[in-house]
């Protein structure tokens, strides 16, 4: 590996996993616009540490073909 460009960053983890119990809300509108928000306690794991915290998930999107009836 070469010299880091920013500070002392020398290694990035090859993987990052998380697991969480979440509660949220989601909506899809007639024209296909979609949004969702979920949050809850979670566990986060990578090469270097295991940690607990709060997972927040925000999603915006478009459903191709619109909403199912």
N, C-alpha and C. Protein backbone atom coordinates (compact mmCIF):
# COMPACT_ATOMS: atom_id res chain seq x y z
N UNK A 1 0.84 -1.18 0.00
CA UNK A 1 0.00 0.00 0.00
C UNK A 1 0.88 1.24 0.00
N UNK A 2 0.36 2.32 -0.59
CA UNK A 2 1.09 3.57 -0.65
C UNK A 2 0.79 4.46 0.54
N UNK A 3 1.25 5.68 0.46
CA UNK A 3 1.03 6.67 1.50
C UNK A 3 -0.41 7.18 1.42
N UNK A 4 -1.10 7.30 2.57
CA UNK A 4 -2.47 7.80 2.54
C UNK A 4 -2.54 9.26 2.10
N UNK A 5 -3.59 9.60 1.38
CA UNK A 5 -3.78 10.97 0.90
C UNK A 5 -4.34 11.86 2.00
N UNK A 6 -5.26 11.33 2.81
CA UNK A 6 -5.92 12.12 3.85
C UNK A 6 -5.55 11.55 5.21
N UNK A 7 -4.91 12.33 6.04
CA UNK A 7 -4.62 11.95 7.42
C UNK A 7 -3.90 10.63 7.55
N UNK A 8 -4.34 9.82 8.52
CA UNK A 8 -3.70 8.53 8.76
C UNK A 8 -4.57 7.37 8.30
N UNK A 9 -5.40 7.59 7.30
CA UNK A 9 -6.24 6.52 6.76
C UNK A 9 -5.37 5.55 5.98
N UNK A 10 -5.22 4.35 6.49
CA UNK A 10 -4.34 3.40 5.83
C UNK A 10 -5.06 2.16 5.33
N UNK A 11 -6.23 1.85 5.86
CA UNK A 11 -6.87 0.61 5.47
C UNK A 11 -8.38 0.77 5.54
N UNK A 12 -9.06 0.30 4.54
CA UNK A 12 -10.52 0.28 4.54
C UNK A 12 -10.97 -1.16 4.72
N UNK A 13 -12.01 -1.35 5.45
CA UNK A 13 -12.55 -2.68 5.68
C UNK A 13 -13.05 -3.30 4.38
N UNK A 14 -12.86 -4.59 4.23
CA UNK A 14 -13.35 -5.30 3.05
C UNK A 14 -14.84 -5.56 3.11
N UNK A 15 -15.41 -5.54 4.30
CA UNK A 15 -16.84 -5.78 4.43
C UNK A 15 -17.41 -4.98 5.60
N UNK A 16 -18.72 -4.80 5.58
CA UNK A 16 -19.43 -4.13 6.66
C UNK A 16 -20.83 -4.73 6.71
N UNK A 17 -21.20 -5.28 7.84
CA UNK A 17 -22.51 -5.90 8.01
C UNK A 17 -23.29 -5.14 9.07
N UNK A 18 -24.61 -5.16 8.94
CA UNK A 18 -25.45 -4.65 10.01
C UNK A 18 -26.72 -5.47 10.06
N UNK A 19 -27.27 -5.53 11.25
CA UNK A 19 -28.55 -6.18 11.47
C UNK A 19 -29.34 -5.31 12.43
N UNK A 20 -30.62 -5.14 12.18
CA UNK A 20 -31.40 -4.25 13.03
C UNK A 20 -32.87 -4.66 13.05
N UNK A 21 -33.53 -4.34 14.13
CA UNK A 21 -34.98 -4.45 14.23
C UNK A 21 -35.53 -3.06 13.99
N UNK A 22 -36.23 -2.88 12.88
CA UNK A 22 -36.66 -1.53 12.51
C UNK A 22 -38.18 -1.42 12.46
N UNK A 23 -38.64 -0.20 12.65
CA UNK A 23 -40.04 0.16 12.53
C UNK A 23 -40.10 1.36 11.62
N UNK A 24 -41.07 1.38 10.72
CA UNK A 24 -41.10 2.51 9.81
C UNK A 24 -42.40 2.66 9.06
N UNK A 25 -42.38 3.56 8.10
CA UNK A 25 -43.54 3.86 7.28
C UNK A 25 -43.07 3.97 5.84
N UNK A 26 -43.93 3.55 4.91
CA UNK A 26 -43.61 3.70 3.49
C UNK A 26 -44.88 4.01 2.72
N UNK A 27 -44.73 4.76 1.66
CA UNK A 27 -45.87 5.15 0.83
C UNK A 27 -45.47 5.10 -0.63
N UNK A 28 -46.41 4.66 -1.47
CA UNK A 28 -46.25 4.72 -2.92
C UNK A 28 -47.48 5.45 -3.45
N UNK A 29 -47.26 6.49 -4.24
CA UNK A 29 -48.34 7.29 -4.78
C UNK A 29 -48.74 6.80 -6.17
N UNK A 30 -49.90 7.21 -6.66
CA UNK A 30 -50.46 6.72 -7.92
C UNK A 30 -49.52 6.80 -9.11
N UNK A 31 -48.77 7.86 -9.20
CA UNK A 31 -47.87 8.05 -10.35
C UNK A 31 -46.56 7.30 -10.18
N UNK A 32 -46.37 6.61 -9.06
CA UNK A 32 -45.20 5.78 -8.88
C UNK A 32 -44.14 6.30 -7.93
N UNK A 33 -44.29 7.54 -7.43
CA UNK A 33 -43.30 8.07 -6.48
C UNK A 33 -43.36 7.26 -5.19
N UNK A 34 -42.21 6.90 -4.65
CA UNK A 34 -42.11 6.06 -3.47
C UNK A 34 -41.22 6.75 -2.43
N UNK A 35 -41.61 6.66 -1.16
CA UNK A 35 -40.73 7.08 -0.08
C UNK A 35 -40.91 6.16 1.11
N UNK A 36 -39.86 6.02 1.89
CA UNK A 36 -39.91 5.18 3.08
C UNK A 36 -38.95 5.70 4.14
N UNK A 37 -39.31 5.49 5.40
CA UNK A 37 -38.48 5.88 6.53
C UNK A 37 -38.58 4.78 7.57
N UNK A 38 -37.43 4.28 8.03
CA UNK A 38 -37.40 3.24 9.06
C UNK A 38 -36.25 3.52 10.02
N UNK A 39 -36.42 3.11 11.28
CA UNK A 39 -35.38 3.31 12.27
C UNK A 39 -35.51 2.26 13.36
N UNK A 40 -34.41 2.00 14.07
CA UNK A 40 -34.44 1.05 15.16
C UNK A 40 -33.04 0.68 15.62
N UNK A 41 -32.95 -0.09 16.71
CA UNK A 41 -31.64 -0.49 17.24
C UNK A 41 -30.99 -1.52 16.33
N UNK A 42 -29.66 -1.43 16.22
CA UNK A 42 -28.95 -2.35 15.35
C UNK A 42 -27.56 -2.68 15.84
N UNK A 43 -26.96 -3.68 15.21
CA UNK A 43 -25.58 -4.09 15.47
C UNK A 43 -24.81 -3.91 14.17
N UNK A 44 -23.61 -3.33 14.25
CA UNK A 44 -22.78 -3.03 13.09
C UNK A 44 -21.44 -3.74 13.26
N UNK A 45 -21.01 -4.48 12.23
CA UNK A 45 -19.80 -5.31 12.31
C UNK A 45 -18.93 -5.10 11.08
N UNK A 46 -17.61 -4.93 11.29
CA UNK A 46 -16.66 -4.95 10.17
C UNK A 46 -15.38 -5.64 10.64
N UNK A 47 -14.29 -5.48 9.90
CA UNK A 47 -13.02 -6.15 10.23
C UNK A 47 -12.50 -5.77 11.61
N UNK A 48 -12.79 -4.56 12.06
CA UNK A 48 -12.13 -4.02 13.24
C UNK A 48 -12.98 -3.97 14.51
N UNK A 49 -14.28 -3.87 14.38
CA UNK A 49 -15.08 -3.70 15.59
C UNK A 49 -16.51 -4.22 15.42
N UNK A 50 -17.15 -4.42 16.56
CA UNK A 50 -18.59 -4.70 16.63
C UNK A 50 -19.16 -3.61 17.51
N UNK A 51 -20.25 -3.02 17.07
CA UNK A 51 -20.80 -1.90 17.82
C UNK A 51 -22.32 -1.91 17.71
N UNK A 52 -22.99 -1.37 18.71
CA UNK A 52 -24.45 -1.23 18.68
C UNK A 52 -24.78 0.25 18.47
N UNK A 53 -25.90 0.49 17.82
CA UNK A 53 -26.31 1.87 17.57
C UNK A 53 -27.70 1.92 16.99
N UNK A 54 -28.06 3.05 16.46
CA UNK A 54 -29.38 3.26 15.85
C UNK A 54 -29.23 3.26 14.34
N UNK A 55 -30.03 2.44 13.66
CA UNK A 55 -30.05 2.41 12.20
C UNK A 55 -31.18 3.33 11.72
N UNK A 56 -30.87 4.21 10.80
CA UNK A 56 -31.87 5.08 10.17
C UNK A 56 -31.81 4.83 8.67
N UNK A 57 -32.94 4.48 8.08
CA UNK A 57 -33.02 4.16 6.66
C UNK A 57 -34.03 5.08 5.99
N UNK A 58 -33.58 5.85 5.00
CA UNK A 58 -34.45 6.75 4.24
C UNK A 58 -34.36 6.33 2.78
N UNK A 59 -35.52 6.14 2.15
CA UNK A 59 -35.54 5.74 0.74
C UNK A 59 -36.49 6.61 -0.05
N UNK A 60 -36.04 7.01 -1.22
CA UNK A 60 -36.86 7.72 -2.20
C UNK A 60 -36.72 6.99 -3.51
N UNK A 61 -37.79 6.91 -4.27
CA UNK A 61 -37.66 6.21 -5.54
C UNK A 61 -38.87 6.37 -6.43
N UNK A 62 -38.82 5.62 -7.50
CA UNK A 62 -39.87 5.63 -8.50
C UNK A 62 -40.17 4.19 -8.87
N UNK A 63 -41.43 3.80 -8.78
CA UNK A 63 -41.86 2.45 -9.14
C UNK A 63 -42.21 2.45 -10.63
N UNK A 64 -41.50 1.66 -11.41
CA UNK A 64 -41.77 1.59 -12.85
C UNK A 64 -43.13 0.93 -13.05
N UNK A 65 -44.00 1.54 -13.83
CA UNK A 65 -45.32 1.00 -14.06
C UNK A 65 -46.37 1.51 -13.09
N UNK A 66 -45.98 2.33 -12.13
CA UNK A 66 -46.94 2.89 -11.18
C UNK A 66 -47.33 1.91 -10.09
N UNK A 67 -48.27 2.32 -9.29
CA UNK A 67 -48.72 1.55 -8.13
C UNK A 67 -49.68 0.44 -8.54
N UNK A 68 -49.60 -0.72 -7.86
CA UNK A 68 -50.55 -1.81 -8.12
C UNK A 68 -51.89 -1.46 -7.51
N UNK A 69 -52.95 -1.90 -8.16
CA UNK A 69 -54.30 -1.59 -7.67
C UNK A 69 -54.88 -2.74 -6.91
